[in-house]
Amino acid sequence: MSDVSDWWRTDIIDMEPGVIRFRGHAIEDLIGNVSFPQMIWLMTRGALPTEGEARLLEAALVAAVDHGPQAPSIATARMAVTCGLPLNNALANAVNMLGDVHGGAGEQAVELYTAIAEAGGPDHAGAEIDRWQAERTKFIPGFGHRFHKPVDPRAPRLLGLVDEAASEGICSGDFANIGRAIEAELAARKGKPVPMNIDGATAVIYAELGFPAPLARGLFCLSRSVGAVAHAWEQMQQGGRNKGPTPPQYRWTYTGPKEAGE
């Protein structure tokens, strides 16, 4: 029997008839006493957060729930519904769109922030930016926005909450300083502001709270799932069948030969 019971090993949940415990906490003690952000923390980190830590995590989760039906993750959820799929499939389609380009910047920003911290702090931002661009990509994750100019309205609010939390001893504020140092370095190089965006700001919070970089993407998926469900449900109420990314009267640009063999 040990071969069977050890097939899956977990520190997360213990269960027997009439008993459910998450990380040692009885479910009946958690229900009604623990918020959803606290539960996320417990499940991913192994212990309950402080009230201040939970508030900061919740702020990051709230900030990233949606960015409109033009966002690929939301668009695919709505299109899935018009193809007859239920909410769970629409949600799965949305989450599967959250890759390195659309949805991965938060994870990458935590990686960059951590590299700067390990190098010695904000004064090393320039060197680590150079390293990132040489080894990874010219794009610096978490900064600049193609739509929100000159400022992504979510970022200053989140950074302000980090500053408040740091003043209360909830977090160090070190990663907020690193984020600001990157922002200043990019502005100096470009000759114009390159403000922090939602991915950069939530990455500051996740780094301040000690979440590893891969969990930053997981948390973003949880956050964006709220928007995906809301849009998929709205599309169900509106109706519509087989709606693609553009209205049918708009045709794509064909770039192939006019006739086979040409």
C-alpha atoms as a PDB file:
ATOM      1  CA  MET A   1       0.000   0.000   0.000  1.00  0.00           C
ATOM      2  CA  SER A   2       2.910   2.384   0.566  1.00  0.00           C
ATOM      3  CA  ASP A   3       3.675   2.184  -3.155  1.00  0.00           C
ATOM      4  CA  VAL A   4       0.127   3.329  -3.876  1.00  0.00           C
ATOM      5  CA  SER A   5      -0.131   6.036  -1.200  1.00  0.00           C
ATOM      6  CA  ASP A   6       3.280   7.463  -2.110  1.00  0.00           C
ATOM      7  CA  TRP A   7       2.423   7.678  -5.819  1.00  0.00           C
ATOM      8  CA  TRP A   8       1.361  11.289  -5.192  1.00  0.00           C
ATOM      9  CA  ARG A   9       3.102  13.157  -2.370  1.00  0.00           C
ATOM     10  CA  THR A  10       1.843  16.543  -1.208  1.00  0.00           C
ATOM     11  CA  ASP A  11       2.190  19.019   1.621  1.00  0.00           C
ATOM     12  CA  ILE A  12      -0.911  20.856   0.420  1.00  0.00           C
ATOM     13  CA  ILE A  13      -3.935  18.804   1.414  1.00  0.00           C
ATOM     14  CA  ASP A  14      -4.738  16.047   3.855  1.00  0.00           C
ATOM     15  CA  MET A  15      -8.114  14.383   3.565  1.00  0.00           C
ATOM     16  CA  GLU A  16     -10.100  11.474   4.939  1.00  0.00           C
ATOM     17  CA  PRO A  17     -13.837  10.907   5.319  1.00  0.00           C
ATOM     18  CA  GLY A  18     -15.254  13.945   7.103  1.00  0.00           C
ATOM     19  CA  VAL A  19     -11.881  15.727   7.297  1.00  0.00           C
ATOM     20  CA  ILE A  20     -10.240  18.248   4.923  1.00  0.00           C
ATOM     21  CA  ARG A  21      -7.111  20.133   5.927  1.00  0.00           C
ATOM     22  CA  PHE A  22      -5.111  22.582   3.814  1.00  0.00           C
ATOM     23  CA  ARG A  23      -1.537  22.921   5.072  1.00  0.00           C
ATOM     24  CA  GLY A  24      -2.806  21.650   8.433  1.00  0.00           C
ATOM     25  CA  HIS A  25      -5.740  24.080   8.638  1.00  0.00           C
ATOM     26  CA  ALA A  26      -9.191  22.517   8.872  1.00  0.00           C
ATOM     27  CA  ILE A  27     -11.406  23.716   6.047  1.00  0.00           C
ATOM     28  CA  GLU A  28     -14.200  24.625   8.470  1.00  0.00           C
ATOM     29  CA  ASP A  29     -11.788  26.998  10.247  1.00  0.00           C
ATOM     30  CA  LEU A  30     -10.779  28.650   6.969  1.00  0.00           C
ATOM     31  CA  ILE A  31     -14.290  29.124   5.577  1.00  0.00           C
ATOM     32  CA  GLY A  32     -15.609  32.525   6.616  1.00  0.00           C
ATOM     33  CA  ASN A  33     -12.337  33.521   8.266  1.00  0.00           C
ATOM     34  CA  VAL A  34      -9.853  33.606   5.398  1.00  0.00           C
ATOM     35  CA  SER A  35     -10.074  35.761   2.268  1.00  0.00           C
ATOM     36  CA  PHE A  36      -9.419  34.394  -1.201  1.00  0.00           C
ATOM     37  CA  PRO A  37      -6.021  36.158  -1.468  1.00  0.00           C
ATOM     38  CA  GLN A  38      -5.074  34.671   1.911  1.00  0.00           C
ATOM     39  CA  MET A  39      -6.114  31.254   0.638  1.00  0.00           C
ATOM     40  CA  ILE A  40      -4.002  31.691  -2.502  1.00  0.00           C
ATOM     41  CA  TRP A  41      -1.031  32.543  -0.296  1.00  0.00           C
ATOM     42  CA  LEU A  42      -1.632  29.562   1.972  1.00  0.00           C
ATOM     43  CA  MET A  43      -1.889  27.149  -0.937  1.00  0.00           C
ATOM     44  CA  THR A  44       1.165  28.432  -2.821  1.00  0.00           C
ATOM     45  CA  ARG A  45       3.423  29.451   0.049  1.00  0.00           C
ATOM     46  CA  GLY A  46       2.565  27.034   2.862  1.00  0.00           C
ATOM     47  CA  ALA A  47       1.403  29.455   5.556  1.00  0.00           C
ATOM     48  CA  LEU A  48      -1.134  32.239   5.987  1.00  0.00           C
ATOM     49  CA  PRO A  49       0.057  35.788   5.235  1.00  0.00           C
ATOM     50  CA  THR A  50      -0.290  38.760   7.502  1.00  0.00           C
ATOM     51  CA  GLU A  51      -3.230  41.071   6.896  1.00  0.00           C
ATOM     52  CA  GLY A  52      -0.906  43.613   5.294  1.00  0.00           C
ATOM     53  CA  GLU A  53       0.656  41.067   2.965  1.00  0.00           C
ATOM     54  CA  ALA A  54      -2.785  39.832   1.938  1.00  0.00           C
ATOM     55  CA  ARG A  55      -3.956  43.381   1.170  1.00  0.00           C
ATOM     56  CA  LEU A  56      -0.947  43.999  -1.053  1.00  0.00           C
ATOM     57  CA  LEU A  57      -1.434  40.703  -2.891  1.00  0.00           C
ATOM     58  CA  GLU A  58      -5.121  41.483  -3.349  1.00  0.00           C
ATOM     59  CA  ALA A  59      -4.295  44.887  -4.846  1.00  0.00           C
ATOM     60  CA  ALA A  60      -2.098  43.260  -7.494  1.00  0.00           C
ATOM     61  CA  LEU A  61      -4.759  40.680  -8.299  1.00  0.00           C
ATOM     62  CA  VAL A  62      -7.484  43.329  -8.627  1.00  0.00           C
ATOM     63  CA  ALA A  63      -5.365  45.563 -10.871  1.00  0.00           C
ATOM     64  CA  ALA A  64      -4.861  43.007 -13.644  1.00  0.00           C
ATOM     65  CA  VAL A  65      -8.291  41.404 -13.997  1.00  0.00           C
ATOM     66  CA  ASP A  66      -9.089  42.824 -17.444  1.00  0.00           C
ATOM     67  CA  HIS A  67      -7.814  44.983 -20.275  1.00  0.00           C
ATOM     68  CA  GLY A  68     -10.686  44.951 -22.733  1.00  0.00           C
ATOM     69  CA  PRO A  69     -11.986  42.623 -25.457  1.00  0.00           C
ATOM     70  CA  GLN A  70      -9.051  43.484 -27.714  1.00  0.00           C
ATOM     71  CA  ALA A  71      -6.655  41.712 -25.321  1.00  0.00           C
ATOM     72  CA  PRO A  72      -5.868  38.302 -26.876  1.00  0.00           C
ATOM     73  CA  SER A  73      -6.785  36.369 -23.731  1.00  0.00           C
ATOM     74  CA  ILE A  74     -10.174  38.076 -23.486  1.00  0.00           C
ATOM     75  CA  ALA A  75     -10.857  38.000 -27.219  1.00  0.00           C
ATOM     76  CA  THR A  76     -10.298  34.258 -27.397  1.00  0.00           C
ATOM     77  CA  ALA A  77     -12.656  33.688 -24.461  1.00  0.00           C
ATOM     78  CA  ARG A  78     -15.402  35.612 -26.204  1.00  0.00           C
ATOM     79  CA  MET A  79     -14.781  33.871 -29.540  1.00  0.00           C
ATOM     80  CA  ALA A  80     -14.886  30.495 -27.798  1.00  0.00           C
ATOM     81  CA  VAL A  81     -18.370  31.252 -26.510  1.00  0.00           C
ATOM     82  CA  THR A  82     -19.589  32.166 -29.989  1.00  0.00           C
ATOM     83  CA  CYS A  83     -18.374  28.731 -31.113  1.00  0.00           C
ATOM     84  CA  GLY A  84     -20.679  27.105 -28.575  1.00  0.00           C
ATOM     85  CA  LEU A  85     -18.173  26.397 -25.805  1.00  0.00           C
ATOM     86  CA  PRO A  86     -19.177  26.704 -22.133  1.00  0.00           C
ATOM     87  CA  LEU A  87     -17.527  28.982 -19.589  1.00  0.00           C
ATOM     88  CA  ASN A  88     -14.893  26.494 -18.455  1.00  0.00           C
ATOM     89  CA  ASN A  89     -13.646  26.013 -22.028  1.00  0.00           C
ATOM     90  CA  ALA A  90     -13.711  29.758 -22.663  1.00  0.00           C
ATOM     91  CA  LEU A  91     -11.623  30.256 -19.531  1.00  0.00           C
ATOM     92  CA  ALA A  92      -9.179  27.547 -20.582  1.00  0.00           C
ATOM     93  CA  ASN A  93      -8.744  29.214 -23.964  1.00  0.00           C
ATOM     94  CA  ALA A  94      -8.033  32.543 -22.279  1.00  0.00           C
ATOM     95  CA  VAL A  95      -5.435  31.134 -19.890  1.00  0.00           C
ATOM     96  CA  ASN A  96      -3.718  29.254 -22.707  1.00  0.00           C
ATOM     97  CA  MET A  97      -3.126  32.589 -24.466  1.00  0.00           C
ATOM     98  CA  LEU A  98      -1.050  33.913 -21.570  1.00  0.00           C
ATOM     99  CA  GLY A  99       2.390  33.111 -22.943  1.00  0.00           C
ATOM    100  CA  ASP A 100       5.722  34.905 -22.929  1.00  0.00           C
ATOM    101  CA  VAL A 101       4.497  37.845 -25.041  1.00  0.00           C
ATOM    102  CA  HIS A 102       0.936  38.314 -23.723  1.00  0.00           C
ATOM    103  CA  GLY A 103       0.955  37.467 -20.029  1.00  0.00           C
ATOM    104  CA  GLY A 104       4.573  36.624 -19.332  1.00  0.00           C
ATOM    105  CA  ALA A 105       6.025  40.087 -18.706  1.00  0.00           C
ATOM    106  CA  GLY A 106       5.295  39.961 -14.981  1.00  0.00           C
ATOM    107  CA  GLU A 107       7.289  36.779 -14.541  1.00  0.00           C
ATOM    108  CA  GLN A 108      10.120  38.211 -16.625  1.00  0.00           C
ATOM    109  CA  ALA A 109      10.095  41.468 -14.662  1.00  0.00           C
ATOM    110  CA  VAL A 110      10.457  39.578 -11.385  1.00  0.00           C
ATOM    111  CA  GLU A 111      13.446  37.781 -12.927  1.00  0.00           C
ATOM    112  CA  LEU A 112      15.021  41.110 -13.906  1.00  0.00           C
ATOM    113  CA  TYR A 113      14.320  42.720 -10.536  1.00  0.00           C
ATOM    114  CA  THR A 114      15.825  39.714  -8.772  1.00  0.00           C
ATOM    115  CA  ALA A 115      18.936  39.847 -10.936  1.00  0.00           C
ATOM    116  CA  ILE A 116      19.407  43.520 -10.051  1.00  0.00           C
ATOM    117  CA  ALA A 117      18.868  42.801  -6.360  1.00  0.00           C
ATOM    118  CA  GLU A 118      21.408  39.982  -6.443  1.00  0.00           C
ATOM    119  CA  ALA A 119      23.891  42.225  -8.273  1.00  0.00           C
ATOM    120  CA  GLY A 120      23.717  44.763  -5.468  1.00  0.00           C
ATOM    121  CA  GLY A 121      20.596  46.859  -5.915  1.00  0.00           C
ATOM    122  CA  PRO A 122      19.330  49.854  -7.920  1.00  0.00           C
ATOM    123  CA  ASP A 123      22.795  51.151  -8.818  1.00  0.00           C
ATOM    124  CA  HIS A 124      23.282  48.024 -10.938  1.00  0.00           C
ATOM    125  CA  ALA A 125      20.096  48.500 -12.974  1.00  0.00           C
ATOM    126  CA  GLY A 126      21.941  49.723 -16.072  1.00  0.00           C
ATOM    127  CA  ALA A 127      24.353  46.800 -16.188  1.00  0.00           C
ATOM    128  CA  GLU A 128      21.576  44.260 -15.706  1.00  0.00           C
ATOM    129  CA  ILE A 129      19.473  45.911 -18.400  1.00  0.00           C
ATOM    130  CA  ASP A 130      22.437  45.527 -20.749  1.00  0.00           C
ATOM    131  CA  ARG A 131      22.795  41.892 -19.750  1.00  0.00           C
ATOM    132  CA  TRP A 132      19.073  41.257 -20.252  1.00  0.00           C
ATOM    133  CA  GLN A 133      19.114  42.799 -23.731  1.00  0.00           C
ATOM    134  CA  ALA A 134      22.231  40.877 -24.705  1.00  0.00           C
ATOM    135  CA  GLU A 135      21.053  37.508 -23.418  1.00  0.00           C
ATOM    136  CA  ARG A 136      17.257  37.641 -23.636  1.00  0.00           C
ATOM    137  CA  THR A 137      15.528  40.327 -25.700  1.00  0.00           C
ATOM    138  CA  LYS A 138      15.689  44.040 -26.431  1.00  0.00           C
ATOM    139  CA  PHE A 139      12.317  44.474 -24.726  1.00  0.00           C
ATOM    140  CA  ILE A 140      12.517  45.320 -21.028  1.00  0.00           C
ATOM    141  CA  PRO A 141       9.546  43.611 -19.374  1.00  0.00           C
ATOM    142  CA  GLY A 142       7.206  45.734 -17.320  1.00  0.00           C
ATOM    143  CA  PHE A 143       7.943  49.130 -18.884  1.00  0.00           C
ATOM    144  CA  GLY A 144       6.223  51.140 -21.593  1.00  0.00           C
ATOM    145  CA  HIS A 145       2.711  50.620 -22.939  1.00  0.00           C
ATOM    146  CA  ARG A 146       1.416  50.823 -26.490  1.00  0.00           C
ATOM    147  CA  PHE A 147      -1.971  52.173 -25.349  1.00  0.00           C
ATOM    148  CA  HIS A 148      -1.597  53.932 -21.996  1.00  0.00           C
ATOM    149  CA  LYS A 149       0.493  57.038 -22.603  1.00  0.00           C
ATOM    150  CA  PRO A 150       2.121  58.800 -20.899  1.00  0.00           C
ATOM    151  CA  VAL A 151       1.234  56.728 -17.795  1.00  0.00           C
ATOM    152  CA  ASP A 152      -0.422  53.389 -17.121  1.00  0.00           C
ATOM    153  CA  PRO A 153      -2.882  54.504 -14.410  1.00  0.00           C
ATOM    154  CA  ARG A 154      -2.552  51.234 -12.531  1.00  0.00           C
ATOM    155  CA  ALA A 155       1.179  51.463 -11.858  1.00  0.00           C
ATOM    156  CA  PRO A 156       1.394  54.630  -9.703  1.00  0.00           C
ATOM    157  CA  ARG A 157      -1.454  53.407  -7.502  1.00  0.00           C
ATOM    158  CA  LEU A 158       0.200  50.031  -6.943  1.00  0.00           C
ATOM    159  CA  LEU A 159       3.582  51.606  -6.228  1.00  0.00           C
ATOM    160  CA  GLY A 160       1.927  53.956  -3.760  1.00  0.00           C
ATOM    161  CA  LEU A 161       0.495  50.963  -1.922  1.00  0.00           C
ATOM    162  CA  VAL A 162       3.942  49.352  -1.853  1.00  0.00           C
ATOM    163  CA  ASP A 163       5.375  52.553  -0.373  1.00  0.00           C
ATOM    164  CA  GLU A 164       2.680  52.522   2.310  1.00  0.00           C
ATOM    165  CA  ALA A 165       3.334  48.864   3.061  1.00  0.00           C
ATOM    166  CA  ALA A 166       7.080  49.477   3.278  1.00  0.00           C
ATOM    167  CA  SER A 167       6.526  52.337   5.734  1.00  0.00           C
ATOM    168  CA  GLU A 168       4.511  49.927   7.900  1.00  0.00           C
ATOM    169  CA  GLY A 169       7.196  47.232   7.742  1.00  0.00           C
ATOM    170  CA  ILE A 170       5.056  44.869   5.674  1.00  0.00           C
ATOM    171  CA  CYS A 171       7.669  44.712   2.919  1.00  0.00           C
ATOM    172  CA  SER A 172      11.129  46.163   2.348  1.00  0.00           C
ATOM    173  CA  GLY A 173      10.464  48.550  -0.520  1.00  0.00           C
ATOM    174  CA  ASP A 174      13.693  47.354  -2.140  1.00  0.00           C
ATOM    175  CA  PHE A 175      12.024  46.105  -5.300  1.00  0.00           C
ATOM    176  CA  ALA A 176      10.006  49.303  -5.662  1.00  0.00           C
ATOM    177  CA  ASN A 177      13.331  51.144  -5.635  1.00  0.00           C
ATOM    178  CA  ILE A 178      14.683  48.756  -8.250  1.00  0.00           C
ATOM    179  CA  GLY A 179      11.623  49.285 -10.443  1.00  0.00           C
ATOM    180  CA  ARG A 180      12.018  53.047 -10.208  1.00  0.00           C
ATOM    181  CA  ALA A 181      15.725  52.747 -11.025  1.00  0.00           C
ATOM    182  CA  ILE A 182      14.895  50.815 -14.202  1.00  0.00           C
ATOM    183  CA  GLU A 183      12.321  53.443 -15.126  1.00  0.00           C
ATOM    184  CA  ALA A 184      14.883  56.233 -14.663  1.00  0.00           C
ATOM    185  CA  GLU A 185      17.554  54.357 -16.607  1.00  0.00           C
ATOM    186  CA  LEU A 186      15.250  53.697 -19.546  1.00  0.00           C
ATOM    187  CA  ALA A 187      14.107  57.327 -19.606  1.00  0.00           C
ATOM    188  CA  ALA A 188      17.732  58.490 -19.671  1.00  0.00           C
ATOM    189  CA  ARG A 189      18.561  56.161 -22.540  1.00  0.00           C
ATOM    190  CA  LYS A 190      15.462  56.967 -24.583  1.00  0.00           C
ATOM    191  CA  GLY A 191      15.393  60.665 -23.868  1.00  0.00           C
ATOM    192  CA  LYS A 192      11.729  60.410 -22.907  1.00  0.00           C
ATOM    193  CA  PRO A 193       9.667  58.706 -20.184  1.00  0.00           C
ATOM    194  CA  VAL A 194       9.262  54.934 -20.384  1.00  0.00           C
ATOM    195  CA  PRO A 195       6.882  54.464 -17.474  1.00  0.00           C
ATOM    196  CA  MET A 196       6.284  51.272 -15.567  1.00  0.00           C
ATOM    197  CA  ASN A 197       3.202  49.379 -16.714  1.00  0.00           C
ATOM    198  CA  ILE A 198       0.845  46.961 -14.960  1.00  0.00           C
ATOM    199  CA  ASP A 199       3.220  44.025 -15.401  1.00  0.00           C
ATOM    200  CA  GLY A 200       6.112  45.951 -13.915  1.00  0.00           C
ATOM    201  CA  ALA A 201       4.028  47.190 -10.986  1.00  0.00           C
ATOM    202  CA  THR A 202       2.507  43.841 -10.086  1.00  0.00           C
ATOM    203  CA  ALA A 203       5.966  42.308 -10.440  1.00  0.00           C
ATOM    204  CA  VAL A 204       7.200  44.782  -7.819  1.00  0.00           C
ATOM    205  CA  ILE A 205       4.487  43.542  -5.462  1.00  0.00           C
ATOM    206  CA  TYR A 206       5.119  39.861  -6.139  1.00  0.00           C
ATOM    207  CA  ALA A 207       8.858  40.351  -5.643  1.00  0.00           C
ATOM    208  CA  GLU A 208       8.303  42.376  -2.473  1.00  0.00           C
ATOM    209  CA  LEU A 209       6.108  39.584  -1.126  1.00  0.00           C
ATOM    210  CA  GLY A 210       8.650  36.901  -1.963  1.00  0.00           C
ATOM    211  CA  PHE A 211       6.827  35.081  -4.750  1.00  0.00           C
ATOM    212  CA  PRO A 212       9.185  33.257  -7.151  1.00  0.00           C
ATOM    213  CA  ALA A 213       9.071  34.510 -10.734  1.00  0.00           C
ATOM    214  CA  PRO A 214       7.073  31.568 -12.194  1.00  0.00           C
ATOM    215  CA  LEU A 215       4.354  32.111  -9.592  1.00  0.00           C
ATOM    216  CA  ALA A 216       4.039  35.707 -10.809  1.00  0.00           C
ATOM    217  CA  ARG A 217       2.661  34.372 -14.089  1.00  0.00           C
ATOM    218  CA  GLY A 218       0.438  31.931 -12.241  1.00  0.00           C
ATOM    219  CA  LEU A 219      -0.990  34.761 -10.160  1.00  0.00           C
ATOM    220  CA  PHE A 220      -1.559  36.845 -13.293  1.00  0.00           C
ATOM    221  CA  CYS A 221      -3.475  33.919 -14.776  1.00  0.00           C
ATOM    222  CA  LEU A 222      -5.698  33.826 -11.682  1.00  0.00           C
ATOM    223  CA  SER A 223      -6.286  37.562 -11.945  1.00  0.00           C
ATOM    224  CA  ARG A 224      -7.029  37.655 -15.677  1.00  0.00           C
ATOM    225  CA  SER A 225      -9.356  34.660 -15.299  1.00  0.00           C
ATOM    226  CA  VAL A 226     -11.856  36.972 -13.616  1.00  0.00           C
ATOM    227  CA  GLY A 227     -12.007  39.187 -16.692  1.00  0.00           C
ATOM    228  CA  ALA A 228     -12.176  36.181 -18.989  1.00  0.00           C
ATOM    229  CA  VAL A 229     -15.165  34.722 -17.146  1.00  0.00           C
ATOM    230  CA  ALA A 230     -16.923  38.102 -17.083  1.00  0.00           C
ATOM    231  CA  HIS A 231     -16.443  38.656 -20.823  1.00  0.00           C
ATOM    232  CA  ALA A 232     -17.377  35.091 -21.726  1.00  0.00           C
ATOM    233  CA  TRP A 233     -20.551  35.372 -19.670  1.00  0.00           C
ATOM    234  CA  GLU A 234     -21.395  38.724 -21.242  1.00  0.00           C
ATOM    235  CA  GLN A 235     -20.911  37.216 -24.702  1.00  0.00           C
ATOM    236  CA  MET A 236     -23.303  34.415 -23.777  1.00  0.00           C
ATOM    237  CA  GLN A 237     -25.948  37.002 -22.950  1.00  0.00           C
ATOM    238  CA  GLN A 238     -25.316  38.934 -26.168  1.00  0.00           C
ATOM    239  CA  GLY A 239     -25.435  35.860 -28.390  1.00  0.00           C
ATOM    240  CA  GLY A 240     -23.670  35.575 -31.726  1.00  0.00           C
ATOM    241  CA  ARG A 241     -22.214  32.617 -33.603  1.00  0.00           C
ATOM    242  CA  ASN A 242     -18.717  31.933 -34.884  1.00  0.00           C
ATOM    243  CA  LYS A 243     -17.435  35.460 -34.355  1.00  0.00           C
ATOM    244  CA  GLY A 244     -13.849  35.780 -35.462  1.00  0.00           C
ATOM    245  CA  PRO A 245     -11.408  38.574 -34.615  1.00  0.00           C
ATOM    246  CA  THR A 246     -12.919  40.917 -37.240  1.00  0.00           C
ATOM    247  CA  PRO A 247     -16.412  41.410 -38.741  1.00  0.00           C
ATOM    248  CA  PRO A 248     -16.980  39.172 -41.796  1.00  0.00           C
ATOM    249  CA  GLN A 249     -17.188  42.110 -44.213  1.00  0.00           C
ATOM    250  CA  TYR A 250     -13.535  42.874 -43.540  1.00  0.00           C
ATOM    251  CA  ARG A 251     -11.293  40.550 -45.517  1.00  0.00           C
ATOM    252  CA  TRP A 252      -7.746  39.570 -44.756  1.00  0.00           C
ATOM    253  CA  THR A 253      -4.819  40.582 -46.955  1.00  0.00           C
ATOM    254  CA  TYR A 254      -3.898  37.764 -49.326  1.00  0.00           C
ATOM    255  CA  THR A 255      -0.207  37.758 -50.273  1.00  0.00           C
ATOM    256  CA  GLY A 256       0.057  34.520 -52.283  1.00  0.00           C
ATOM    257  CA  PRO A 257      -0.035  33.955 -56.067  1.00  0.00           C
ATOM    258  CA  LYS A 258      -3.191  34.750 -58.014  1.00  0.00           C
ATOM    259  CA  GLU A 259      -3.154  31.342 -59.682  1.00  0.00           C
ATOM    260  CA  ALA A 260      -1.444  28.110 -58.706  1.00  0.00           C
ATOM    261  CA  GLY A 261       1.973  27.883 -60.279  1.00  0.00           C
ATOM    262  CA  GLU A 262       2.563  31.609 -60.532  1.00  0.00           C
END
